[in-house]
Amino acid sequence: MALYLEQARIRAEQFTKQGMGAADAAHVALAEQIGADFVTCDARLLRQTRKVQPAIWCGTPNAYCERENLE
């Protein structure tokens, strides 16, 4: 468990160096670490995720519903 948190911390630091806020970077890094999709309504945060290119899918709730074929 400690290894996963350390890897997420290192990745979050990379994201902050690319302009993300610390809390946003931590959320995205932790989602990336466990391989989760990252869903947010924050347009600014979505633009930042496109810039830092995490290894997970990031998008809006509507885009997630479309992606998962939810009605």
PDB file of N, CA and C in Angstrom:
ATOM      1  N   MET A   1       0.818  -1.197   0.000  1.00  0.00           N
ATOM      2  CA  MET A   1       0.000   0.000   0.000  1.00  0.00           C
ATOM      3  C   MET A   1       0.864   1.265   0.000  1.00  0.00           C
ATOM      4  N   ALA A   2       1.902   1.250   0.800  1.00  0.00           N
ATOM      5  CA  ALA A   2       2.773   2.422   0.884  1.00  0.00           C
ATOM      6  C   ALA A   2       3.429   2.714  -0.463  1.00  0.00           C
ATOM      7  N   LEU A   3       3.757   1.669  -1.215  1.00  0.00           N
ATOM      8  CA  LEU A   3       4.374   1.860  -2.531  1.00  0.00           C
ATOM      9  C   LEU A   3       3.425   2.576  -3.482  1.00  0.00           C
ATOM     10  N   TYR A   4       2.139   2.191  -3.450  1.00  0.00           N
ATOM     11  CA  TYR A   4       1.154   2.843  -4.309  1.00  0.00           C
ATOM     12  C   TYR A   4       1.016   4.322  -3.966  1.00  0.00           C
ATOM     13  N   LEU A   5       0.989   4.622  -2.680  1.00  0.00           N
ATOM     14  CA  LEU A   5       0.870   6.022  -2.259  1.00  0.00           C
ATOM     15  C   LEU A   5       2.108   6.820  -2.646  1.00  0.00           C
ATOM     16  N   GLU A   6       3.268   6.216  -2.523  1.00  0.00           N
ATOM     17  CA  GLU A   6       4.505   6.903  -2.901  1.00  0.00           C
ATOM     18  C   GLU A   6       4.531   7.178  -4.404  1.00  0.00           C
ATOM     19  N   GLN A   7       4.114   6.194  -5.202  1.00  0.00           N
ATOM     20  CA  GLN A   7       4.057   6.388  -6.648  1.00  0.00           C
ATOM     21  C   GLN A   7       3.050   7.470  -7.016  1.00  0.00           C
ATOM     22  N   ALA A   8       1.915   7.490  -6.332  1.00  0.00           N
ATOM     23  CA  ALA A   8       0.903   8.522  -6.584  1.00  0.00           C
ATOM     24  C   ALA A   8       1.445   9.904  -6.192  1.00  0.00           C
ATOM     25  N   ARG A   9       2.176   9.978  -5.086  1.00  0.00           N
ATOM     26  CA  ARG A   9       2.753  11.259  -4.655  1.00  0.00           C
ATOM     27  C   ARG A   9       3.742  11.778  -5.697  1.00  0.00           C
ATOM     28  N   ILE A  10       4.585  10.891  -6.201  1.00  0.00           N
ATOM     29  CA  ILE A  10       5.564  11.286  -7.217  1.00  0.00           C
ATOM     30  C   ILE A  10       4.846  11.776  -8.473  1.00  0.00           C
ATOM     31  N   ARG A  11       3.813  11.057  -8.888  1.00  0.00           N
ATOM     32  CA  ARG A  11       3.058  11.460 -10.085  1.00  0.00           C
ATOM     33  C   ARG A  11       2.349  12.790  -9.853  1.00  0.00           C
ATOM     34  N   ALA A  12       1.785  12.983  -8.661  1.00  0.00           N
ATOM     35  CA  ALA A  12       1.119  14.252  -8.337  1.00  0.00           C
ATOM     36  C   ALA A  12       2.113  15.408  -8.403  1.00  0.00           C
ATOM     37  N   GLU A  13       3.323  15.181  -7.948  1.00  0.00           N
ATOM     38  CA  GLU A  13       4.352  16.217  -8.031  1.00  0.00           C
ATOM     39  C   GLU A  13       4.654  16.559  -9.492  1.00  0.00           C
ATOM     40  N   GLN A  14       4.661  15.554 -10.363  1.00  0.00           N
ATOM     41  CA  GLN A  14       4.869  15.809 -11.793  1.00  0.00           C
ATOM     42  C   GLN A  14       3.737  16.674 -12.345  1.00  0.00           C
ATOM     43  N   PHE A  15       2.508  16.358 -11.940  1.00  0.00           N
ATOM     44  CA  PHE A  15       1.361  17.135 -12.407  1.00  0.00           C
ATOM     45  C   PHE A  15       1.422  18.584 -11.904  1.00  0.00           C
ATOM     46  N   THR A  16       1.830  18.782 -10.650  1.00  0.00           N
ATOM     47  CA  THR A  16       1.901  20.145 -10.124  1.00  0.00           C
ATOM     48  C   THR A  16       2.982  20.947 -10.846  1.00  0.00           C
ATOM     49  N   LYS A  17       4.057  20.299 -11.242  1.00  0.00           N
ATOM     50  CA  LYS A  17       5.106  20.987 -11.997  1.00  0.00           C
ATOM     51  C   LYS A  17       4.611  21.421 -13.375  1.00  0.00           C
ATOM     52  N   GLN A  18       3.528  20.786 -13.838  1.00  0.00           N
ATOM     53  CA  GLN A  18       2.940  21.149 -15.128  1.00  0.00           C
ATOM     54  C   GLN A  18       1.761  22.110 -14.961  1.00  0.00           C
ATOM     55  N   GLY A  19       1.554  22.611 -13.741  1.00  0.00           N
ATOM     56  CA  GLY A  19       0.573  23.660 -13.537  1.00  0.00           C
ATOM     57  C   GLY A  19      -0.700  23.276 -12.805  1.00  0.00           C
ATOM     58  N   MET A  20      -0.870  22.039 -12.435  1.00  0.00           N
ATOM     59  CA  MET A  20      -2.073  21.644 -11.686  1.00  0.00           C
ATOM     60  C   MET A  20      -1.943  22.056 -10.228  1.00  0.00           C
ATOM     61  N   GLY A  21      -3.079  22.337  -9.604  1.00  0.00           N
ATOM     62  CA  GLY A  21      -3.086  22.583  -8.171  1.00  0.00           C
ATOM     63  C   GLY A  21      -2.805  21.285  -7.428  1.00  0.00           C
ATOM     64  N   ALA A  22      -2.350  21.389  -6.202  1.00  0.00           N
ATOM     65  CA  ALA A  22      -1.944  20.211  -5.430  1.00  0.00           C
ATOM     66  C   ALA A  22      -3.096  19.230  -5.218  1.00  0.00           C
ATOM     67  N   ALA A  23      -4.268  19.720  -4.845  1.00  0.00           N
ATOM     68  CA  ALA A  23      -5.406  18.826  -4.584  1.00  0.00           C
ATOM     69  C   ALA A  23      -5.859  18.136  -5.868  1.00  0.00           C
ATOM     70  N   ASP A  24      -5.975  18.888  -6.949  1.00  0.00           N
ATOM     71  CA  ASP A  24      -6.370  18.299  -8.235  1.00  0.00           C
ATOM     72  C   ASP A  24      -5.344  17.263  -8.689  1.00  0.00           C
ATOM     73  N   ALA A  25      -4.076  17.592  -8.546  1.00  0.00           N
ATOM     74  CA  ALA A  25      -3.014  16.674  -8.942  1.00  0.00           C
ATOM     75  C   ALA A  25      -3.077  15.384  -8.129  1.00  0.00           C
ATOM     76  N   ALA A  26      -3.343  15.497  -6.845  1.00  0.00           N
ATOM     77  CA  ALA A  26      -3.446  14.312  -5.993  1.00  0.00           C
ATOM     78  C   ALA A  26      -4.620  13.443  -6.417  1.00  0.00           C
ATOM     79  N   HIS A  27      -5.768  14.060  -6.692  1.00  0.00           N
ATOM     80  CA  HIS A  27      -6.945  13.289  -7.117  1.00  0.00           C
ATOM     81  C   HIS A  27      -6.679  12.540  -8.419  1.00  0.00           C
ATOM     82  N   VAL A  28      -6.114  13.226  -9.389  1.00  0.00           N
ATOM     83  CA  VAL A  28      -5.849  12.599 -10.687  1.00  0.00           C
ATOM     84  C   VAL A  28      -4.775  11.515 -10.538  1.00  0.00           C
ATOM     85  N   ALA A  29      -3.748  11.780  -9.770  1.00  0.00           N
ATOM     86  CA  ALA A  29      -2.676  10.799  -9.581  1.00  0.00           C
ATOM     87  C   ALA A  29      -3.181   9.541  -8.884  1.00  0.00           C
ATOM     88  N   LEU A  30      -4.032   9.706  -7.892  1.00  0.00           N
ATOM     89  CA  LEU A  30      -4.578   8.534  -7.204  1.00  0.00           C
ATOM     90  C   LEU A  30      -5.506   7.744  -8.120  1.00  0.00           C
ATOM     91  N   ALA A  31      -6.327   8.434  -8.896  1.00  0.00           N
ATOM     92  CA  ALA A  31      -7.189   7.741  -9.863  1.00  0.00           C
ATOM     93  C   ALA A  31      -6.336   6.984 -10.873  1.00  0.00           C
ATOM     94  N   GLU A  32      -5.283   7.613 -11.333  1.00  0.00           N
ATOM     95  CA  GLU A  32      -4.374   6.972 -12.284  1.00  0.00           C
ATOM     96  C   GLU A  32      -3.721   5.742 -11.658  1.00  0.00           C
ATOM     97  N   GLN A  33      -3.325   5.854 -10.416  1.00  0.00           N
ATOM     98  CA  GLN A  33      -2.639   4.758  -9.731  1.00  0.00           C
ATOM     99  C   GLN A  33      -3.505   3.504  -9.645  1.00  0.00           C
ATOM    100  N   ILE A  34      -4.823   3.676  -9.459  1.00  0.00           N
ATOM    101  CA  ILE A  34      -5.692   2.501  -9.343  1.00  0.00           C
ATOM    102  C   ILE A  34      -6.381   2.164 -10.668  1.00  0.00           C
ATOM    103  N   GLY A  35      -6.134   2.976 -11.693  1.00  0.00           N
ATOM    104  CA  GLY A  35      -6.701   2.697 -13.010  1.00  0.00           C
ATOM    105  C   GLY A  35      -8.166   3.066 -13.138  1.00  0.00           C
ATOM    106  N   ALA A  36      -8.600   4.028 -12.361  1.00  0.00           N
ATOM    107  CA  ALA A  36      -9.996   4.465 -12.388  1.00  0.00           C
ATOM    108  C   ALA A  36     -10.208   5.549 -13.441  1.00  0.00           C
ATOM    109  N   ASP A  37     -11.425   5.648 -13.950  1.00  0.00           N
ATOM    110  CA  ASP A  37     -11.789   6.790 -14.786  1.00  0.00           C
ATOM    111  C   ASP A  37     -11.894   8.011 -13.878  1.00  0.00           C
ATOM    112  N   PHE A  38     -11.626   9.192 -14.429  1.00  0.00           N
ATOM    113  CA  PHE A  38     -11.695  10.429 -13.651  1.00  0.00           C
ATOM    114  C   PHE A  38     -12.808  11.293 -14.225  1.00  0.00           C
ATOM    115  N   VAL A  39     -13.853  11.507 -13.427  1.00  0.00           N
ATOM    116  CA  VAL A  39     -15.025  12.251 -13.872  1.00  0.00           C
ATOM    117  C   VAL A  39     -15.107  13.551 -13.079  1.00  0.00           C
ATOM    118  N   THR A  40     -15.278  14.674 -13.797  1.00  0.00           N
ATOM    119  CA  THR A  40     -15.386  15.968 -13.135  1.00  0.00           C
ATOM    120  C   THR A  40     -16.253  16.919 -13.954  1.00  0.00           C
ATOM    121  N   CYS A  41     -16.868  17.860 -13.262  1.00  0.00           N
ATOM    122  CA  CYS A  41     -17.644  18.928 -13.914  1.00  0.00           C
ATOM    123  C   CYS A  41     -16.794  20.177 -14.112  1.00  0.00           C
ATOM    124  N   ASP A  42     -15.587  20.172 -13.610  1.00  0.00           N
ATOM    125  CA  ASP A  42     -14.693  21.326 -13.638  1.00  0.00           C
ATOM    126  C   ASP A  42     -13.991  21.428 -14.996  1.00  0.00           C
ATOM    127  N   ALA A  43     -14.435  22.365 -15.823  1.00  0.00           N
ATOM    128  CA  ALA A  43     -13.875  22.524 -17.172  1.00  0.00           C
ATOM    129  C   ALA A  43     -12.390  22.873 -17.128  1.00  0.00           C
ATOM    130  N   ARG A  44     -11.989  23.679 -16.169  1.00  0.00           N
ATOM    131  CA  ARG A  44     -10.577  24.055 -16.045  1.00  0.00           C
ATOM    132  C   ARG A  44      -9.731  22.821 -15.737  1.00  0.00           C
ATOM    133  N   LEU A  45     -10.206  21.983 -14.832  1.00  0.00           N
ATOM    134  CA  LEU A  45      -9.477  20.772 -14.472  1.00  0.00           C
ATOM    135  C   LEU A  45      -9.391  19.821 -15.671  1.00  0.00           C
ATOM    136  N   LEU A  46     -10.451  19.718 -16.445  1.00  0.00           N
ATOM    137  CA  LEU A  46     -10.397  18.871 -17.635  1.00  0.00           C
ATOM    138  C   LEU A  46      -9.358  19.370 -18.630  1.00  0.00           C
ATOM    139  N   ARG A  47      -9.274  20.685 -18.802  1.00  0.00           N
ATOM    140  CA  ARG A  47      -8.239  21.235 -19.693  1.00  0.00           C
ATOM    141  C   ARG A  47      -6.852  20.887 -19.170  1.00  0.00           C
ATOM    142  N   GLN A  48      -6.677  20.955 -17.863  1.00  0.00           N
ATOM    143  CA  GLN A  48      -5.380  20.617 -17.281  1.00  0.00           C
ATOM    144  C   GLN A  48      -5.055  19.138 -17.465  1.00  0.00           C
ATOM    145  N   THR A  49      -6.063  18.273 -17.337  1.00  0.00           N
ATOM    146  CA  THR A  49      -5.788  16.841 -17.530  1.00  0.00           C
ATOM    147  C   THR A  49      -5.375  16.565 -18.965  1.00  0.00           C
ATOM    148  N   ARG A  50      -5.935  17.298 -19.915  1.00  0.00           N
ATOM    149  CA  ARG A  50      -5.521  17.117 -21.312  1.00  0.00           C
ATOM    150  C   ARG A  50      -4.067  17.542 -21.501  1.00  0.00           C
ATOM    151  N   LYS A  51      -3.672  18.544 -20.742  1.00  0.00           N
ATOM    152  CA  LYS A  51      -2.292  19.035 -20.841  1.00  0.00           C
ATOM    153  C   LYS A  51      -1.302  18.031 -20.238  1.00  0.00           C
ATOM    154  N   VAL A  52      -1.622  17.480 -19.065  1.00  0.00           N
ATOM    155  CA  VAL A  52      -0.678  16.591 -18.380  1.00  0.00           C
ATOM    156  C   VAL A  52      -0.793  15.139 -18.850  1.00  0.00           C
ATOM    157  N   GLN A  53      -1.856  14.810 -19.545  1.00  0.00           N
ATOM    158  CA  GLN A  53      -2.076  13.495 -20.158  1.00  0.00           C
ATOM    159  C   GLN A  53      -1.871  12.317 -19.197  1.00  0.00           C
ATOM    160  N   PRO A  54      -2.732  12.202 -18.184  1.00  0.00           N
ATOM    161  CA  PRO A  54      -2.636  11.023 -17.320  1.00  0.00           C
ATOM    162  C   PRO A  54      -2.969   9.759 -18.114  1.00  0.00           C
ATOM    163  N   ALA A  55      -2.582   8.632 -17.594  1.00  0.00           N
ATOM    164  CA  ALA A  55      -2.775   7.354 -18.283  1.00  0.00           C
ATOM    165  C   ALA A  55      -4.162   6.763 -18.023  1.00  0.00           C
ATOM    166  N   ILE A  56      -5.151   7.616 -17.815  1.00  0.00           N
ATOM    167  CA  ILE A  56      -6.525   7.182 -17.573  1.00  0.00           C
ATOM    168  C   ILE A  56      -7.469   8.063 -18.378  1.00  0.00           C
ATOM    169  N   TRP A  57      -8.709   7.608 -18.507  1.00  0.00           N
ATOM    170  CA  TRP A  57      -9.728   8.413 -19.174  1.00  0.00           C
ATOM    171  C   TRP A  57     -10.185   9.511 -18.224  1.00  0.00           C
ATOM    172  N   CYS A  58     -10.337  10.744 -18.736  1.00  0.00           N
ATOM    173  CA  CYS A  58     -10.837  11.878 -17.958  1.00  0.00           C
ATOM    174  C   CYS A  58     -11.934  12.559 -18.765  1.00  0.00           C
ATOM    175  N   GLY A  59     -13.033  12.900 -18.116  1.00  0.00           N
ATOM    176  CA  GLY A  59     -14.102  13.571 -18.831  1.00  0.00           C
ATOM    177  C   GLY A  59     -15.226  14.025 -17.927  1.00  0.00           C
ATOM    178  N   THR A  60     -16.284  14.528 -18.567  1.00  0.00           N
ATOM    179  CA  THR A  60     -17.449  15.039 -17.857  1.00  0.00           C
ATOM    180  C   THR A  60     -18.398  13.891 -17.510  1.00  0.00           C
ATOM    181  N   PRO A  61     -19.330  14.137 -16.595  1.00  0.00           N
ATOM    182  CA  PRO A  61     -20.327  13.105 -16.299  1.00  0.00           C
ATOM    183  C   PRO A  61     -21.117  12.690 -17.546  1.00  0.00           C
ATOM    184  N   ASN A  62     -21.489  13.651 -18.397  1.00  0.00           N
ATOM    185  CA  ASN A  62     -22.217  13.313 -19.621  1.00  0.00           C
ATOM    186  C   ASN A  62     -21.374  12.447 -20.548  1.00  0.00           C
ATOM    187  N   ALA A  63     -20.115  12.799 -20.709  1.00  0.00           N
ATOM    188  CA  ALA A  63     -19.232  12.009 -21.567  1.00  0.00           C
ATOM    189  C   ALA A  63     -19.052  10.599 -21.002  1.00  0.00           C
ATOM    190  N   TYR A  64     -18.991  10.494 -19.685  1.00  0.00           N
ATOM    191  CA  TYR A  64     -18.850   9.180 -19.063  1.00  0.00           C
ATOM    192  C   TYR A  64     -20.093   8.328 -19.321  1.00  0.00           C
ATOM    193  N   CYS A  65     -21.271   8.928 -19.171  1.00  0.00           N
ATOM    194  CA  CYS A  65     -22.510   8.193 -19.423  1.00  0.00           C
ATOM    195  C   CYS A  65     -22.576   7.719 -20.877  1.00  0.00           C
ATOM    196  N   GLU A  66     -22.189   8.581 -21.795  1.00  0.00           N
ATOM    197  CA  GLU A  66     -22.172   8.196 -23.208  1.00  0.00           C
ATOM    198  C   GLU A  66     -21.172   7.056 -23.433  1.00  0.00           C
ATOM    199  N   ARG A  67     -20.007   7.177 -22.837  1.00  0.00           N
ATOM    200  CA  ARG A  67     -18.964   6.165 -22.987  1.00  0.00           C
ATOM    201  C   ARG A  67     -19.416   4.812 -22.472  1.00  0.00           C
ATOM    202  N   GLU A  68     -20.156   4.809 -21.386  1.00  0.00           N
ATOM    203  CA  GLU A  68     -20.607   3.572 -20.747  1.00  0.00           C
ATOM    204  C   GLU A  68     -21.990   3.133 -21.216  1.00  0.00           C
ATOM    205  N   ASN A  69     -22.534   3.851 -22.204  1.00  0.00           N
ATOM    206  CA  ASN A  69     -23.879   3.564 -22.724  1.00  0.00           C
ATOM    207  C   ASN A  69     -24.946   3.579 -21.638  1.00  0.00           C
ATOM    208  N   LEU A  70     -24.846   4.567 -20.756  1.00  0.00           N
ATOM    209  CA  LEU A  70     -25.838   4.733 -19.686  1.00  0.00           C
ATOM    210  C   LEU A  70     -26.907   5.713 -20.142  1.00  0.00           C
ATOM    211  N   GLU A  71     -28.109   5.478 -19.746  1.00  0.00           N
ATOM    212  CA  GLU A  71     -29.205   6.390 -20.136  1.00  0.00           C
ATOM    213  C   GLU A  71     -29.728   7.143 -18.950  1.00  0.00           C
TER     214      GLU A  71
END
